[in-house]
Amino acid sequence: MDFTNTTLMQPFVGVFFQVVRFPPEERSFSVLEKHLKRLHAALDVMEGRLTRSMWLGGEAFTLADIAAGAPMFRYHDIGIERPERPALLAWYQRLTERGAFRANVMTSYDELRPS
């Protein structure tokens, strides 16, 4: 969970704001690139971990998966290029099979887009 708070969320939120929250005229490609670089580094760490186990904490679903899984729906839904990370994608697909994930995470965020 510490990894999510200290390493994953800050660049994810930066990317999300640049791609979704800010109107196009307020977006900065250089800021987006900075956040994407840090986000990709964090996701590479997750990919490495997930090549060794089904879940982030090992072979059982844990709080680590809940915390890191929360931004993954939006990460996979927003219009950005995503490098191939097969273990991360398989993990995300396992998350989407969970009813609680679908009901509580895979929700509309249209109200967060600029009007």
C-alpha atoms as a PDB file:
ATOM      1  CA  MET A   1       0.000   0.000   0.000  1.00  0.00           C
ATOM      2  CA  ASP A   2       2.921   2.348   0.681  1.00  0.00           C
ATOM      3  CA  PHE A   3       4.105   1.826  -2.899  1.00  0.00           C
ATOM      4  CA  THR A   4       0.726   2.955  -4.206  1.00  0.00           C
ATOM      5  CA  ASN A   5       0.698   6.076  -2.030  1.00  0.00           C
ATOM      6  CA  THR A   6       4.312   7.109  -2.580  1.00  0.00           C
ATOM      7  CA  THR A   7       5.157   5.882  -6.069  1.00  0.00           C
ATOM      8  CA  LEU A   8       2.079   5.076  -8.169  1.00  0.00           C
ATOM      9  CA  MET A   9      -0.614   7.623  -7.362  1.00  0.00           C
ATOM     10  CA  GLN A  10       1.232  10.905  -7.788  1.00  0.00           C
ATOM     11  CA  PRO A  11       2.256  10.334 -11.409  1.00  0.00           C
ATOM     12  CA  PHE A  12      -1.061   8.657 -12.200  1.00  0.00           C
ATOM     13  CA  VAL A  13      -2.985  11.677 -10.915  1.00  0.00           C
ATOM     14  CA  GLY A  14      -0.685  13.952 -12.922  1.00  0.00           C
ATOM     15  CA  VAL A  15      -1.397  11.983 -16.099  1.00  0.00           C
ATOM     16  CA  PHE A  16      -5.124  11.846 -15.360  1.00  0.00           C
ATOM     17  CA  PHE A  17      -5.320  15.604 -14.897  1.00  0.00           C
ATOM     18  CA  GLN A  18      -3.406  16.305 -18.103  1.00  0.00           C
ATOM     19  CA  VAL A  19      -5.484  13.872 -20.176  1.00  0.00           C
ATOM     20  CA  VAL A  20      -8.933  14.109 -18.582  1.00  0.00           C
ATOM     21  CA  ARG A  21      -9.407  16.914 -16.072  1.00  0.00           C
ATOM     22  CA  PHE A  22      -7.807  19.897 -17.802  1.00  0.00           C
ATOM     23  CA  PRO A  23      -9.430  21.399 -20.866  1.00  0.00           C
ATOM     24  CA  PRO A  24      -7.250  20.894 -23.963  1.00  0.00           C
ATOM     25  CA  GLU A  25      -5.993  24.485 -23.965  1.00  0.00           C
ATOM     26  CA  GLU A  26      -4.609  24.069 -20.429  1.00  0.00           C
ATOM     27  CA  ARG A  27      -2.797  20.775 -21.026  1.00  0.00           C
ATOM     28  CA  SER A  28       0.987  20.637 -21.106  1.00  0.00           C
ATOM     29  CA  PHE A  29       2.737  17.983 -23.154  1.00  0.00           C
ATOM     30  CA  SER A  30       5.967  18.427 -21.189  1.00  0.00           C
ATOM     31  CA  VAL A  31       4.173  17.973 -17.851  1.00  0.00           C
ATOM     32  CA  LEU A  32       2.332  14.945 -19.229  1.00  0.00           C
ATOM     33  CA  GLU A  33       5.606  13.394 -20.402  1.00  0.00           C
ATOM     34  CA  LYS A  34       7.187  13.931 -16.970  1.00  0.00           C
ATOM     35  CA  HIS A  35       4.270  12.199 -15.234  1.00  0.00           C
ATOM     36  CA  LEU A  36       4.153   9.395 -17.820  1.00  0.00           C
ATOM     37  CA  LYS A  37       7.847   8.652 -17.303  1.00  0.00           C
ATOM     38  CA  ARG A  38       7.327   8.268 -13.551  1.00  0.00           C
ATOM     39  CA  LEU A  39       4.103   6.308 -14.018  1.00  0.00           C
ATOM     40  CA  HIS A  40       5.779   3.880 -16.425  1.00  0.00           C
ATOM     41  CA  ALA A  41       8.606   3.357 -13.932  1.00  0.00           C
ATOM     42  CA  ALA A  42       6.071   2.493 -11.204  1.00  0.00           C
ATOM     43  CA  LEU A  43       4.148   0.170 -13.521  1.00  0.00           C
ATOM     44  CA  ASP A  44       7.393  -1.545 -14.511  1.00  0.00           C
ATOM     45  CA  VAL A  45       7.975  -2.355 -10.832  1.00  0.00           C
ATOM     46  CA  MET A  46       4.466  -3.794 -10.621  1.00  0.00           C
ATOM     47  CA  GLU A  47       5.029  -5.781 -13.818  1.00  0.00           C
ATOM     48  CA  GLY A  48       8.163  -7.285 -12.322  1.00  0.00           C
ATOM     49  CA  ARG A  49       6.348  -8.286  -9.161  1.00  0.00           C
ATOM     50  CA  LEU A  50       3.392  -9.719 -11.049  1.00  0.00           C
ATOM     51  CA  THR A  51       5.612 -11.913 -13.200  1.00  0.00           C
ATOM     52  CA  ARG A  52       6.413 -13.826  -9.983  1.00  0.00           C
ATOM     53  CA  SER A  53       2.927 -14.083  -8.450  1.00  0.00           C
ATOM     54  CA  MET A  54      -0.764 -13.707  -9.273  1.00  0.00           C
ATOM     55  CA  TRP A  55      -1.281 -10.807  -6.882  1.00  0.00           C
ATOM     56  CA  LEU A  56       0.960  -7.993  -5.664  1.00  0.00           C
ATOM     57  CA  GLY A  57       1.318  -9.454  -2.200  1.00  0.00           C
ATOM     58  CA  GLY A  58       1.857 -13.034  -3.353  1.00  0.00           C
ATOM     59  CA  GLU A  59      -0.583 -15.779  -4.227  1.00  0.00           C
ATOM     60  CA  ALA A  60      -3.524 -14.268  -2.303  1.00  0.00           C
ATOM     61  CA  PHE A  61      -5.539 -11.135  -3.057  1.00  0.00           C
ATOM     62  CA  THR A  62      -4.581  -8.467  -0.481  1.00  0.00           C
ATOM     63  CA  LEU A  63      -5.003  -4.821   0.417  1.00  0.00           C
ATOM     64  CA  ALA A  64      -2.052  -4.091  -1.888  1.00  0.00           C
ATOM     65  CA  ASP A  65      -4.167  -5.183  -4.854  1.00  0.00           C
ATOM     66  CA  ILE A  66      -7.089  -3.054  -3.734  1.00  0.00           C
ATOM     67  CA  ALA A  67      -4.954   0.068  -3.304  1.00  0.00           C
ATOM     68  CA  ALA A  68      -2.988  -0.311  -6.545  1.00  0.00           C
ATOM     69  CA  GLY A  69      -6.010  -1.603  -8.443  1.00  0.00           C
ATOM     70  CA  ALA A  70      -8.120   1.477  -7.763  1.00  0.00           C
ATOM     71  CA  PRO A  71      -6.492   3.683 -10.448  1.00  0.00           C
ATOM     72  CA  MET A  72      -6.136   0.851 -12.964  1.00  0.00           C
ATOM     73  CA  PHE A  73      -9.608   1.170 -14.491  1.00  0.00           C
ATOM     74  CA  ARG A  74      -8.959   4.797 -15.385  1.00  0.00           C
ATOM     75  CA  TYR A  75      -5.401   4.002 -16.505  1.00  0.00           C
ATOM     76  CA  HIS A  76      -6.772   1.439 -18.945  1.00  0.00           C
ATOM     77  CA  ASP A  77      -9.679   3.673 -19.976  1.00  0.00           C
ATOM     78  CA  ILE A  78      -8.020   7.016 -20.742  1.00  0.00           C
ATOM     79  CA  GLY A  79      -6.580   7.781 -24.140  1.00  0.00           C
ATOM     80  CA  ILE A  80      -2.874   7.165 -23.640  1.00  0.00           C
ATOM     81  CA  GLU A  81      -0.441   4.688 -25.125  1.00  0.00           C
ATOM     82  CA  ARG A  82       0.315   1.846 -22.768  1.00  0.00           C
ATOM     83  CA  PRO A  83       3.486  -0.185 -23.197  1.00  0.00           C
ATOM     84  CA  GLU A  84       2.923  -3.926 -23.258  1.00  0.00           C
ATOM     85  CA  ARG A  85       3.011  -5.368 -19.760  1.00  0.00           C
ATOM     86  CA  PRO A  86       1.448  -8.838 -19.944  1.00  0.00           C
ATOM     87  CA  ALA A  87       1.596  -9.609 -16.219  1.00  0.00           C
ATOM     88  CA  LEU A  88       0.051  -6.248 -15.302  1.00  0.00           C
ATOM     89  CA  LEU A  89      -2.686  -6.723 -17.892  1.00  0.00           C
ATOM     90  CA  ALA A  90      -3.459 -10.246 -16.628  1.00  0.00           C
ATOM     91  CA  TRP A  91      -3.631  -8.886 -13.057  1.00  0.00           C
ATOM     92  CA  TYR A  92      -5.953  -6.088 -14.178  1.00  0.00           C
ATOM     93  CA  GLN A  93      -8.162  -8.613 -15.959  1.00  0.00           C
ATOM     94  CA  ARG A  94      -8.356 -10.660 -12.746  1.00  0.00           C
ATOM     95  CA  LEU A  95      -9.414  -7.493 -10.916  1.00  0.00           C
ATOM     96  CA  THR A  96     -12.182  -6.847 -13.453  1.00  0.00           C
ATOM     97  CA  GLU A  97     -13.590 -10.308 -12.745  1.00  0.00           C
ATOM     98  CA  ARG A  98     -14.265  -9.311  -9.135  1.00  0.00           C
ATOM     99  CA  GLY A  99     -17.794  -8.010  -8.582  1.00  0.00           C
ATOM    100  CA  ALA A 100     -16.700  -5.435  -6.009  1.00  0.00           C
ATOM    101  CA  PHE A 101     -14.129  -4.019  -8.432  1.00  0.00           C
ATOM    102  CA  ARG A 102     -16.704  -3.700 -11.195  1.00  0.00           C
ATOM    103  CA  ALA A 103     -19.280  -2.118  -8.864  1.00  0.00           C
ATOM    104  CA  ASN A 104     -16.993   0.298  -7.030  1.00  0.00           C
ATOM    105  CA  VAL A 105     -14.056   1.061  -9.294  1.00  0.00           C
ATOM    106  CA  MET A 106     -15.272   0.649 -12.859  1.00  0.00           C
ATOM    107  CA  THR A 107     -17.613   3.620 -12.613  1.00  0.00           C
ATOM    108  CA  SER A 108     -18.143   6.656 -14.800  1.00  0.00           C
ATOM    109  CA  TYR A 109     -15.922   9.650 -14.219  1.00  0.00           C
ATOM    110  CA  ASP A 110     -17.585  11.859 -16.833  1.00  0.00           C
ATOM    111  CA  GLU A 111     -18.309  14.477 -14.161  1.00  0.00           C
ATOM    112  CA  LEU A 112     -14.547  14.978 -13.812  1.00  0.00           C
ATOM    113  CA  ARG A 113     -14.142  16.088 -17.421  1.00  0.00           C
ATOM    114  CA  PRO A 114     -14.149  19.808 -18.174  1.00  0.00           C
ATOM    115  CA  SER A 115     -17.518  21.131 -19.211  1.00  0.00           C
END
